[in-house]
Amino acid sequence: VDKQALFAIGRMLLCMVRGKPSIQALLDSNVSCLAASLPQTARRVAVSTSKSLSVVWLERNCYVETICKDDGYGQVAFLSGGYLIATTDTYLRIFRLFQRSSDVTQLVEERLLQSRDVVAILPLNADHFGVLYRNGLLERFRVQR
């Protein structure tokens, strides 16, 4: 994120500080996927694990906002319109994020996936994205505002 090396080992989220790894967050279980925020948006990283979905706010001293602890999450991606897209084995979930710490992240939409074999979530623009499945199918979605 903004030329800052951020990576995960097991349940640790680390950042390179002066050439050495520094633990930024210790999560509830091993990391499944990391997704950096898009350019010209708040500096943050979405983190999915087998037990939860979180956002690490880099501009808030790596504050970890746990969004959901109800399910294991796989693929994650940000949209420039302030949305976080995440998959479970069964569902695609769309969350609305807010920059102010006083606002609560909201689940705005949930859709059934065609298959549990999601390879990637592909942001297209502020409210459109694609879900790529292992069989090659690309399903296009639009966030309902």
Protein backbone atom coordinates (compact mmCIF):
# COMPACT_ATOMS: atom_id res chain seq x y z
CA VAL A 1 0.00 0.00 0.00
CA ASP A 2 1.65 3.24 -1.14
CA LYS A 3 4.99 1.48 -1.70
CA GLN A 4 4.88 -0.06 1.78
CA ALA A 5 5.56 -3.80 1.87
CA LEU A 6 2.79 -5.51 3.82
CA PHE A 7 2.53 -9.29 4.08
CA ALA A 8 1.15 -12.11 6.20
CA ILE A 9 2.74 -15.16 7.77
CA GLY A 10 0.25 -17.43 9.48
CA ARG A 11 -1.91 -15.14 11.61
CA MET A 12 0.59 -12.25 11.69
CA LEU A 13 0.26 -9.18 9.49
CA LEU A 14 3.71 -7.67 9.02
CA CYS A 15 5.20 -4.54 7.50
CA MET A 16 8.77 -3.74 6.55
CA VAL A 17 10.13 -0.97 8.82
CA ARG A 18 13.69 0.18 8.05
CA GLY A 19 14.37 -3.10 6.24
CA LYS A 20 13.09 -5.34 9.05
CA PRO A 21 9.71 -7.04 9.46
CA SER A 22 7.50 -5.54 12.16
CA ILE A 23 4.26 -7.13 13.39
CA GLN A 24 1.37 -4.76 12.68
CA ALA A 25 -1.49 -7.01 13.79
CA LEU A 26 -2.06 -10.46 15.25
CA LEU A 27 -5.26 -11.94 13.82
CA ASP A 28 -7.62 -14.68 15.06
CA SER A 29 -6.43 -17.35 12.61
CA ASN A 30 -4.24 -17.83 9.53
CA VAL A 31 -4.68 -15.28 6.77
CA SER A 32 -6.49 -16.52 3.64
CA CYS A 33 -6.26 -13.37 1.51
CA LEU A 34 -4.98 -9.78 1.62
CA ALA A 35 -6.28 -6.94 -0.54
CA ALA A 36 -4.80 -3.44 -0.58
CA SER A 37 -6.95 -0.37 -0.99
CA LEU A 38 -7.01 1.35 -4.36
CA PRO A 39 -4.96 4.47 -5.20
CA GLN A 40 -6.44 7.80 -4.03
CA THR A 41 -8.46 6.06 -1.29
CA ALA A 42 -7.85 5.63 2.43
CA ARG A 43 -4.78 3.47 3.14
CA ARG A 44 -6.10 0.13 4.37
CA VAL A 45 -5.80 -3.60 3.86
CA ALA A 46 -8.64 -6.12 3.87
CA VAL A 47 -7.75 -9.38 5.56
CA SER A 48 -9.74 -12.60 5.37
CA THR A 49 -9.16 -15.59 7.63
CA SER A 50 -10.86 -18.92 8.24
CA LYS A 51 -12.77 -17.25 11.11
CA SER A 52 -13.27 -13.58 10.25
CA LEU A 53 -13.06 -10.57 7.95
CA SER A 54 -11.14 -7.46 9.03
CA VAL A 55 -9.85 -4.16 7.70
CA VAL A 56 -6.51 -2.80 8.89
CA TRP A 57 -6.56 1.01 8.76
CA LEU A 58 -2.95 2.03 8.13
CA GLU A 59 -3.65 5.74 8.73
CA ARG A 60 -5.03 4.87 12.19
CA ASN A 61 -1.82 3.23 13.46
CA CYS A 62 -2.82 -0.12 11.97
CA TYR A 63 -6.14 -0.23 13.80
CA VAL A 64 -7.81 -3.59 13.08
CA GLU A 65 -11.56 -3.27 12.52
CA THR A 66 -13.17 -6.70 12.70
CA ILE A 67 -16.11 -6.61 10.34
CA CYS A 68 -17.44 -10.16 10.75
CA LYS A 69 -16.68 -13.14 12.93
CA ASP A 70 -19.57 -15.21 11.67
CA ASP A 71 -17.90 -17.16 8.90
CA GLY A 72 -14.66 -18.05 7.17
CA TYR A 73 -13.78 -15.71 4.31
CA GLY A 74 -11.81 -16.33 1.12
CA GLN A 75 -11.29 -13.70 -1.57
CA VAL A 76 -11.55 -9.99 -0.79
CA ALA A 77 -11.31 -6.76 -2.81
CA PHE A 78 -11.99 -3.04 -2.44
CA LEU A 79 -14.01 -0.91 -4.85
CA SER A 80 -13.19 2.78 -5.20
CA GLY A 81 -16.75 3.68 -4.18
CA GLY A 82 -16.09 2.72 -0.54
CA TYR A 83 -17.14 -0.92 -0.73
CA LEU A 84 -15.45 -4.10 0.41
CA ILE A 85 -16.36 -7.30 -1.41
CA ALA A 86 -15.74 -10.66 0.30
CA THR A 87 -16.59 -14.29 -0.36
CA THR A 88 -17.43 -17.16 1.97
CA ASP A 89 -17.87 -20.73 0.71
CA THR A 90 -21.49 -19.93 -0.15
CA TYR A 91 -22.01 -16.16 -0.30
CA LEU A 92 -20.71 -12.99 -1.83
CA ARG A 93 -21.02 -10.16 0.71
CA ILE A 94 -20.78 -6.44 0.02
CA PHE A 95 -19.90 -4.08 2.86
CA ARG A 96 -20.00 -0.27 2.92
CA LEU A 97 -16.92 1.21 4.61
CA PHE A 98 -16.67 4.64 6.21
CA GLN A 99 -13.51 6.68 6.85
CA ARG A 100 -14.57 8.07 10.22
CA SER A 101 -14.03 5.76 13.16
CA SER A 102 -17.43 6.73 14.60
CA ASP A 103 -19.26 5.18 11.63
CA VAL A 104 -19.98 1.47 11.59
CA THR A 105 -19.25 -0.72 8.56
CA GLN A 106 -22.51 -2.03 7.10
CA LEU A 107 -23.42 -5.22 5.25
CA VAL A 108 -25.41 -3.82 2.32
CA GLU A 109 -25.87 -6.88 0.14
CA GLU A 110 -25.49 -10.66 0.19
CA ARG A 111 -25.74 -12.93 -2.83
CA LEU A 112 -25.47 -16.68 -3.33
CA LEU A 113 -22.36 -17.73 -5.26
CA GLN A 114 -22.62 -20.06 -8.26
CA SER A 115 -19.71 -22.11 -6.95
CA ARG A 116 -17.39 -22.16 -3.94
CA ASP A 117 -14.34 -22.19 -6.26
CA VAL A 118 -13.76 -18.43 -6.45
CA VAL A 119 -10.31 -17.55 -7.79
CA ALA A 120 -10.51 -13.75 -7.60
CA ILE A 121 -12.70 -10.69 -7.21
CA LEU A 122 -11.93 -8.17 -9.95
CA PRO A 123 -12.80 -4.49 -9.28
CA LEU A 124 -14.02 -2.80 -12.46
CA ASN A 125 -15.08 0.66 -11.23
CA ALA A 126 -16.73 2.35 -8.23
CA ASP A 127 -19.72 -0.02 -8.16
CA HIS A 128 -19.02 -2.84 -10.66
CA PHE A 129 -16.87 -5.92 -10.13
CA GLY A 130 -16.40 -9.43 -11.44
CA VAL A 131 -16.07 -12.78 -9.69
CA LEU A 132 -13.78 -15.24 -11.45
CA TYR A 133 -14.39 -18.94 -10.82
CA ARG A 134 -11.88 -21.78 -11.21
CA ASN A 135 -13.84 -23.16 -14.22
CA GLY A 136 -13.20 -19.90 -16.13
CA LEU A 137 -16.64 -18.36 -15.60
CA LEU A 138 -16.56 -14.60 -14.97
CA GLU A 139 -19.71 -13.32 -13.32
CA ARG A 140 -20.30 -9.54 -13.33
CA PHE A 141 -21.99 -7.71 -10.45
CA ARG A 142 -23.16 -4.20 -9.67
CA VAL A 143 -23.55 -2.84 -6.16
CA GLN A 144 -27.17 -1.87 -5.57
CA ARG A 145 -27.15 1.70 -4.19
